[in-house]
Amino acid sequence: MARTLAKVDTSTVVLEAAKKVLRQKGYAKLSTRDVAAAAGVPLSQIHYHFGSKQGMLLALFEYLNSQLLDRQSVLFHDKTLKLSEQWDKACDYLDEDIGSGYVRVLQELIAASWADGAVAKVIQTGIMGWITLIAELARRAEREFGGLGPFTADEVAILVGNAFIGAESHYLLGLEKKGAPVRQALRRFGDLIRIMESLK
């Protein structure tokens, strides 16, 4: 069903406001009233566009996740870049995603999904989009390096996905400030890829 430009604009304004409020208050303390105030729209607009707090936050996740998956797909399909350069850029993107609020949205909704099956379903689908994309890149690495040791491309995709989600969680917990080299460790893996590229 096509939406009018005004409706699309209003829903986007609400989603951006929801991202801001979620970053400030977290999932549990976020209210649709606060989001409406931050968006400068009547509360009824949130219910009209999204139905509920949950509907709004799931729409926010899908809105952000689809943009970032598209961005990552362009990166991973760029044949002019070496795998190590793509890894480096993926690490740059993690920094951007922390700054944009996506990481906080994802981690808040992962936690909410443990007790809410509807949230879990959307988050599972979103994360599997990332795993599928990473597995595609791992298959490229498998071809280029003549194998991935004892791992399949799907196993590598799971490990890489877990490494990034874990790094996001550790960052939000403040472990970098406690001396844990969370993002530095991810970037070091790019050095390992460069070593493998030099041996080809």
C-alpha atoms as a PDB file:
ATOM      1  CA  MET A   1       0.000   0.000   0.000  1.00  0.00           C
ATOM      2  CA  ALA A   2       1.508   3.340  -1.035  1.00  0.00           C
ATOM      3  CA  ARG A   3       1.827   5.981   1.637  1.00  0.00           C
ATOM      4  CA  THR A   4       1.639   9.685   0.996  1.00  0.00           C
ATOM      5  CA  LEU A   5       4.813  11.731   1.305  1.00  0.00           C
ATOM      6  CA  ALA A   6       3.508  13.407   4.475  1.00  0.00           C
ATOM      7  CA  LYS A   7       2.897  10.033   6.139  1.00  0.00           C
ATOM      8  CA  VAL A   8       6.355   8.748   5.204  1.00  0.00           C
ATOM      9  CA  ASP A   9       7.914  11.946   6.535  1.00  0.00           C
ATOM     10  CA  THR A  10       5.984  11.728   9.805  1.00  0.00           C
ATOM     11  CA  SER A  11       6.883   8.093  10.360  1.00  0.00           C
ATOM     12  CA  THR A  12      10.557   8.799   9.672  1.00  0.00           C
ATOM     13  CA  VAL A  13      10.520  11.754  12.082  1.00  0.00           C
ATOM     14  CA  VAL A  14       8.972   9.491  14.727  1.00  0.00           C
ATOM     15  CA  LEU A  15      11.552   6.744  14.128  1.00  0.00           C
ATOM     16  CA  GLU A  16      14.453   9.171  14.419  1.00  0.00           C
ATOM     17  CA  ALA A  17      12.946  10.528  17.654  1.00  0.00           C
ATOM     18  CA  ALA A  18      12.481   6.973  18.947  1.00  0.00           C
ATOM     19  CA  LYS A  19      16.142   6.261  18.283  1.00  0.00           C
ATOM     20  CA  LYS A  20      17.130   9.356  20.275  1.00  0.00           C
ATOM     21  CA  VAL A  21      14.859   8.544  23.216  1.00  0.00           C
ATOM     22  CA  LEU A  22      15.904   4.874  23.213  1.00  0.00           C
ATOM     23  CA  ARG A  23      19.556   5.898  23.446  1.00  0.00           C
ATOM     24  CA  GLN A  24      18.774   8.174  26.383  1.00  0.00           C
ATOM     25  CA  LYS A  25      16.362   6.012  28.372  1.00  0.00           C
ATOM     26  CA  GLY A  26      16.665   2.412  27.169  1.00  0.00           C
ATOM     27  CA  TYR A  27      13.862   0.077  26.119  1.00  0.00           C
ATOM     28  CA  ALA A  28      12.210  -0.344  29.513  1.00  0.00           C
ATOM     29  CA  LYS A  29      11.902   3.382  30.285  1.00  0.00           C
ATOM     30  CA  LEU A  30      11.009   4.568  26.787  1.00  0.00           C
ATOM     31  CA  SER A  31       7.438   5.799  26.431  1.00  0.00           C
ATOM     32  CA  THR A  32       5.492   6.659  23.309  1.00  0.00           C
ATOM     33  CA  ARG A  33       4.611   9.962  24.984  1.00  0.00           C
ATOM     34  CA  ASP A  34       8.327  10.863  25.233  1.00  0.00           C
ATOM     35  CA  VAL A  35       8.881   9.882  21.612  1.00  0.00           C
ATOM     36  CA  ALA A  36       5.910  11.958  20.460  1.00  0.00           C
ATOM     37  CA  ALA A  37       7.277  14.950  22.363  1.00  0.00           C
ATOM     38  CA  ALA A  38      10.763  14.475  20.879  1.00  0.00           C
ATOM     39  CA  ALA A  39       9.265  14.151  17.383  1.00  0.00           C
ATOM     40  CA  GLY A  40       6.981  17.145  17.860  1.00  0.00           C
ATOM     41  CA  VAL A  41       3.903  15.173  16.830  1.00  0.00           C
ATOM     42  CA  PRO A  42       0.686  14.231  18.621  1.00  0.00           C
ATOM     43  CA  LEU A  43       0.784  10.896  20.463  1.00  0.00           C
ATOM     44  CA  SER A  44      -1.973   9.681  18.149  1.00  0.00           C
ATOM     45  CA  GLN A  45       0.509   9.739  15.231  1.00  0.00           C
ATOM     46  CA  ILE A  46       2.608   7.016  16.865  1.00  0.00           C
ATOM     47  CA  HIS A  47      -0.428   4.806  17.290  1.00  0.00           C
ATOM     48  CA  TYR A  48      -1.584   5.599  13.763  1.00  0.00           C
ATOM     49  CA  HIS A  49       1.743   4.697  12.146  1.00  0.00           C
ATOM     50  CA  PHE A  50       2.982   1.914  14.433  1.00  0.00           C
ATOM     51  CA  GLY A  51       0.148   0.757  16.678  1.00  0.00           C
ATOM     52  CA  SER A  52       2.182   0.505  19.883  1.00  0.00           C
ATOM     53  CA  LYS A  53       5.544   1.055  21.528  1.00  0.00           C
ATOM     54  CA  GLN A  54       6.617  -2.407  20.422  1.00  0.00           C
ATOM     55  CA  GLY A  55       5.482  -1.796  16.840  1.00  0.00           C
ATOM     56  CA  MET A  56       7.369   1.494  16.761  1.00  0.00           C
ATOM     57  CA  LEU A  57      10.603  -0.018  18.080  1.00  0.00           C
ATOM     58  CA  LEU A  58      10.444  -2.987  15.728  1.00  0.00           C
ATOM     59  CA  ALA A  59       9.859  -0.573  12.844  1.00  0.00           C
ATOM     60  CA  LEU A  60      12.869   1.416  14.081  1.00  0.00           C
ATOM     61  CA  PHE A  61      15.054  -1.690  14.066  1.00  0.00           C
ATOM     62  CA  GLU A  62      13.914  -2.697  10.575  1.00  0.00           C
ATOM     63  CA  TYR A  63      14.378   0.882   9.318  1.00  0.00           C
ATOM     64  CA  LEU A  64      17.963   1.061  10.589  1.00  0.00           C
ATOM     65  CA  ASN A  65      18.922  -2.553   9.911  1.00  0.00           C
ATOM     66  CA  SER A  66      17.841  -2.488   6.255  1.00  0.00           C
ATOM     67  CA  GLN A  67      19.916   0.638   5.615  1.00  0.00           C
ATOM     68  CA  LEU A  68      22.992  -0.900   7.196  1.00  0.00           C
ATOM     69  CA  LEU A  69      22.579  -4.256   5.476  1.00  0.00           C
ATOM     70  CA  ASP A  70      22.382  -2.439   2.135  1.00  0.00           C
ATOM     71  CA  ARG A  71      25.511  -0.458   3.017  1.00  0.00           C
ATOM     72  CA  GLN A  72      27.367  -3.637   4.024  1.00  0.00           C
ATOM     73  CA  SER A  73      26.227  -5.496   0.907  1.00  0.00           C
ATOM     74  CA  VAL A  74      27.686  -2.755  -1.298  1.00  0.00           C
ATOM     75  CA  LEU A  75      30.962  -3.023   0.615  1.00  0.00           C
ATOM     76  CA  PHE A  76      31.151  -6.812   0.463  1.00  0.00           C
ATOM     77  CA  HIS A  77      30.355  -6.914  -3.256  1.00  0.00           C
ATOM     78  CA  ASP A  78      33.029  -4.344  -4.131  1.00  0.00           C
ATOM     79  CA  LYS A  79      35.517  -6.498  -6.050  1.00  0.00           C
ATOM     80  CA  THR A  80      38.071  -3.666  -6.135  1.00  0.00           C
ATOM     81  CA  LEU A  81      38.723  -4.094  -2.402  1.00  0.00           C
ATOM     82  CA  LYS A  82      40.782  -6.832  -0.815  1.00  0.00           C
ATOM     83  CA  LEU A  83      39.165  -8.835   1.978  1.00  0.00           C
ATOM     84  CA  SER A  84      41.400  -7.093   4.502  1.00  0.00           C
ATOM     85  CA  GLU A  85      40.252  -3.689   3.247  1.00  0.00           C
ATOM     86  CA  GLN A  86      36.632  -4.785   3.553  1.00  0.00           C
ATOM     87  CA  TRP A  87      37.293  -5.942   7.124  1.00  0.00           C
ATOM     88  CA  ASP A  88      38.883  -2.584   7.951  1.00  0.00           C
ATOM     89  CA  LYS A  89      35.865  -0.765   6.530  1.00  0.00           C
ATOM     90  CA  ALA A  90      33.492  -3.037   8.487  1.00  0.00           C
ATOM     91  CA  CYS A  91      35.354  -1.967  11.645  1.00  0.00           C
ATOM     92  CA  ASP A  92      34.947   1.671  10.594  1.00  0.00           C
ATOM     93  CA  TYR A  93      31.241   1.002  10.149  1.00  0.00           C
ATOM     94  CA  LEU A  94      31.049  -0.378  13.694  1.00  0.00           C
ATOM     95  CA  ASP A  95      32.372   2.947  14.957  1.00  0.00           C
ATOM     96  CA  GLU A  96      29.748   4.755  12.855  1.00  0.00           C
ATOM     97  CA  ASP A  97      26.984   2.456  14.094  1.00  0.00           C
ATOM     98  CA  ILE A  98      27.902   3.129  17.706  1.00  0.00           C
ATOM     99  CA  GLY A  99      27.719   6.866  16.995  1.00  0.00           C
ATOM    100  CA  SER A 100      24.430   6.649  15.086  1.00  0.00           C
ATOM    101  CA  GLY A 101      22.634   4.764  17.854  1.00  0.00           C
ATOM    102  CA  TYR A 102      22.050   1.571  15.849  1.00  0.00           C
ATOM    103  CA  VAL A 103      24.190  -0.509  18.220  1.00  0.00           C
ATOM    104  CA  ARG A 104      22.179   0.640  21.227  1.00  0.00           C
ATOM    105  CA  VAL A 105      18.884  -0.063  19.426  1.00  0.00           C
ATOM    106  CA  LEU A 106      20.039  -3.566  18.462  1.00  0.00           C
ATOM    107  CA  GLN A 107      21.355  -4.448  21.912  1.00  0.00           C
ATOM    108  CA  GLU A 108      18.241  -3.092  23.666  1.00  0.00           C
ATOM    109  CA  LEU A 109      15.993  -5.135  21.386  1.00  0.00           C
ATOM    110  CA  ILE A 110      18.114  -8.277  21.749  1.00  0.00           C
ATOM    111  CA  ALA A 111      17.604  -8.021  25.517  1.00  0.00           C
ATOM    112  CA  ALA A 112      13.875  -7.355  25.071  1.00  0.00           C
ATOM    113  CA  SER A 113      13.592 -10.344  22.720  1.00  0.00           C
ATOM    114  CA  TRP A 114      14.450 -12.792  25.496  1.00  0.00           C
ATOM    115  CA  ALA A 115      11.016 -12.236  27.023  1.00  0.00           C
ATOM    116  CA  ASP A 116       9.028 -11.227  23.938  1.00  0.00           C
ATOM    117  CA  GLY A 117       8.530 -13.690  21.094  1.00  0.00           C
ATOM    118  CA  ALA A 118       7.344 -11.044  18.621  1.00  0.00           C
ATOM    119  CA  VAL A 119      10.487  -8.991  19.192  1.00  0.00           C
ATOM    120  CA  ALA A 120      12.640 -12.137  18.991  1.00  0.00           C
ATOM    121  CA  LYS A 121      11.203 -13.039  15.592  1.00  0.00           C
ATOM    122  CA  VAL A 122      12.081  -9.650  14.080  1.00  0.00           C
ATOM    123  CA  ILE A 123      15.546  -9.565  15.652  1.00  0.00           C
ATOM    124  CA  GLN A 124      16.301 -13.142  14.555  1.00  0.00           C
ATOM    125  CA  THR A 125      15.372 -12.260  10.974  1.00  0.00           C
ATOM    126  CA  GLY A 126      17.501  -9.122  11.097  1.00  0.00           C
ATOM    127  CA  ILE A 127      20.550 -10.890  12.495  1.00  0.00           C
ATOM    128  CA  MET A 128      20.205 -13.759  10.031  1.00  0.00           C
ATOM    129  CA  GLY A 129      20.379 -11.154   7.259  1.00  0.00           C
ATOM    130  CA  TRP A 130      23.827 -10.230   8.560  1.00  0.00           C
ATOM    131  CA  ILE A 131      24.911 -13.860   8.964  1.00  0.00           C
ATOM    132  CA  THR A 132      23.847 -14.668   5.400  1.00  0.00           C
ATOM    133  CA  LEU A 133      25.795 -11.696   4.052  1.00  0.00           C
ATOM    134  CA  ILE A 134      28.910 -12.574   6.068  1.00  0.00           C
ATOM    135  CA  ALA A 135      28.700 -16.231   4.952  1.00  0.00           C
ATOM    136  CA  GLU A 136      28.740 -15.042   1.341  1.00  0.00           C
ATOM    137  CA  LEU A 137      31.948 -13.121   2.050  1.00  0.00           C
ATOM    138  CA  ALA A 138      33.416 -16.124   3.891  1.00  0.00           C
ATOM    139  CA  ARG A 139      32.802 -18.262   0.797  1.00  0.00           C
ATOM    140  CA  ARG A 140      34.795 -15.704  -1.196  1.00  0.00           C
ATOM    141  CA  ALA A 141      37.600 -15.963   1.376  1.00  0.00           C
ATOM    142  CA  GLU A 142      37.410 -19.751   1.146  1.00  0.00           C
ATOM    143  CA  ARG A 143      37.925 -19.576  -2.626  1.00  0.00           C
ATOM    144  CA  GLU A 144      40.726 -17.022  -2.381  1.00  0.00           C
ATOM    145  CA  PHE A 145      42.655 -18.763   0.409  1.00  0.00           C
ATOM    146  CA  GLY A 146      41.966 -22.345  -0.635  1.00  0.00           C
ATOM    147  CA  GLY A 147      39.960 -23.110   2.494  1.00  0.00           C
ATOM    148  CA  LEU A 148      39.151 -21.812   5.958  1.00  0.00           C
ATOM    149  CA  GLY A 149      41.005 -24.397   7.986  1.00  0.00           C
ATOM    150  CA  PRO A 150      38.608 -26.572   9.978  1.00  0.00           C
ATOM    151  CA  PHE A 151      35.715 -24.100   9.545  1.00  0.00           C
ATOM    152  CA  THR A 152      32.905 -23.923   7.035  1.00  0.00           C
ATOM    153  CA  ALA A 153      31.862 -20.552   5.632  1.00  0.00           C
ATOM    154  CA  ASP A 154      28.679 -20.721   7.725  1.00  0.00           C
ATOM    155  CA  GLU A 155      30.689 -21.356  10.900  1.00  0.00           C
ATOM    156  CA  VAL A 156      32.979 -18.420  10.126  1.00  0.00           C
ATOM    157  CA  ALA A 157      29.908 -16.233   9.568  1.00  0.00           C
ATOM    158  CA  ILE A 158      28.531 -17.185  12.991  1.00  0.00           C
ATOM    159  CA  LEU A 159      31.859 -16.498  14.689  1.00  0.00           C
ATOM    160  CA  VAL A 160      32.293 -13.134  12.955  1.00  0.00           C
ATOM    161  CA  GLY A 161      28.695 -12.147  13.702  1.00  0.00           C
ATOM    162  CA  ASN A 162      29.184 -13.093  17.354  1.00  0.00           C
ATOM    163  CA  ALA A 163      32.475 -11.177  17.489  1.00  0.00           C
ATOM    164  CA  PHE A 164      30.800  -7.965  16.327  1.00  0.00           C
ATOM    165  CA  ILE A 165      27.673  -8.347  18.463  1.00  0.00           C
ATOM    166  CA  GLY A 166      29.858  -9.217  21.444  1.00  0.00           C
ATOM    167  CA  ALA A 167      32.097  -6.214  20.773  1.00  0.00           C
ATOM    168  CA  GLU A 168      29.013  -3.995  20.647  1.00  0.00           C
ATOM    169  CA  SER A 169      27.791  -5.372  23.957  1.00  0.00           C
ATOM    170  CA  HIS A 170      31.202  -4.987  25.605  1.00  0.00           C
ATOM    171  CA  TYR A 171      31.477  -1.432  24.308  1.00  0.00           C
ATOM    172  CA  LEU A 172      28.067  -0.499  25.718  1.00  0.00           C
ATOM    173  CA  LEU A 173      29.042  -2.064  29.051  1.00  0.00           C
ATOM    174  CA  GLY A 174      32.010   0.320  29.162  1.00  0.00           C
ATOM    175  CA  LEU A 175      34.673  -2.371  29.028  1.00  0.00           C
ATOM    176  CA  GLU A 176      36.911  -0.323  26.736  1.00  0.00           C
ATOM    177  CA  LYS A 177      37.078   2.310  29.469  1.00  0.00           C
ATOM    178  CA  LYS A 178      38.165  -0.487  31.833  1.00  0.00           C
ATOM    179  CA  GLY A 179      41.078  -1.411  29.554  1.00  0.00           C
ATOM    180  CA  ALA A 180      39.516  -4.179  27.426  1.00  0.00           C
ATOM    181  CA  PRO A 181      40.659  -3.565  23.812  1.00  0.00           C
ATOM    182  CA  VAL A 182      37.264  -4.409  22.307  1.00  0.00           C
ATOM    183  CA  ARG A 183      37.393  -2.660  18.925  1.00  0.00           C
ATOM    184  CA  GLN A 184      41.176  -2.867  18.671  1.00  0.00           C
ATOM    185  CA  ALA A 185      40.944  -6.664  18.840  1.00  0.00           C
ATOM    186  CA  LEU A 186      38.497  -6.681  15.924  1.00  0.00           C
ATOM    187  CA  ARG A 187      40.825  -4.467  13.890  1.00  0.00           C
ATOM    188  CA  ARG A 188      43.746  -6.816  14.613  1.00  0.00           C
ATOM    189  CA  PHE A 189      41.880  -9.563  12.824  1.00  0.00           C
ATOM    190  CA  GLY A 190      42.306  -7.451   9.681  1.00  0.00           C
ATOM    191  CA  ASP A 191      46.059  -7.851  10.167  1.00  0.00           C
ATOM    192  CA  LEU A 192      45.613 -11.636  10.186  1.00  0.00           C
ATOM    193  CA  ILE A 193      43.679 -11.409   6.899  1.00  0.00           C
ATOM    194  CA  ARG A 194      46.527  -9.319   5.440  1.00  0.00           C
ATOM    195  CA  ILE A 195      49.003 -12.035   6.429  1.00  0.00           C
ATOM    196  CA  MET A 196      46.860 -14.635   4.670  1.00  0.00           C
ATOM    197  CA  GLU A 197      46.609 -12.419   1.585  1.00  0.00           C
ATOM    198  CA  SER A 198      50.403 -12.080   1.479  1.00  0.00           C
ATOM    199  CA  LEU A 199      50.783 -15.891   1.450  1.00  0.00           C
ATOM    200  CA  LYS A 200      48.556 -16.424  -1.597  1.00  0.00           C
END
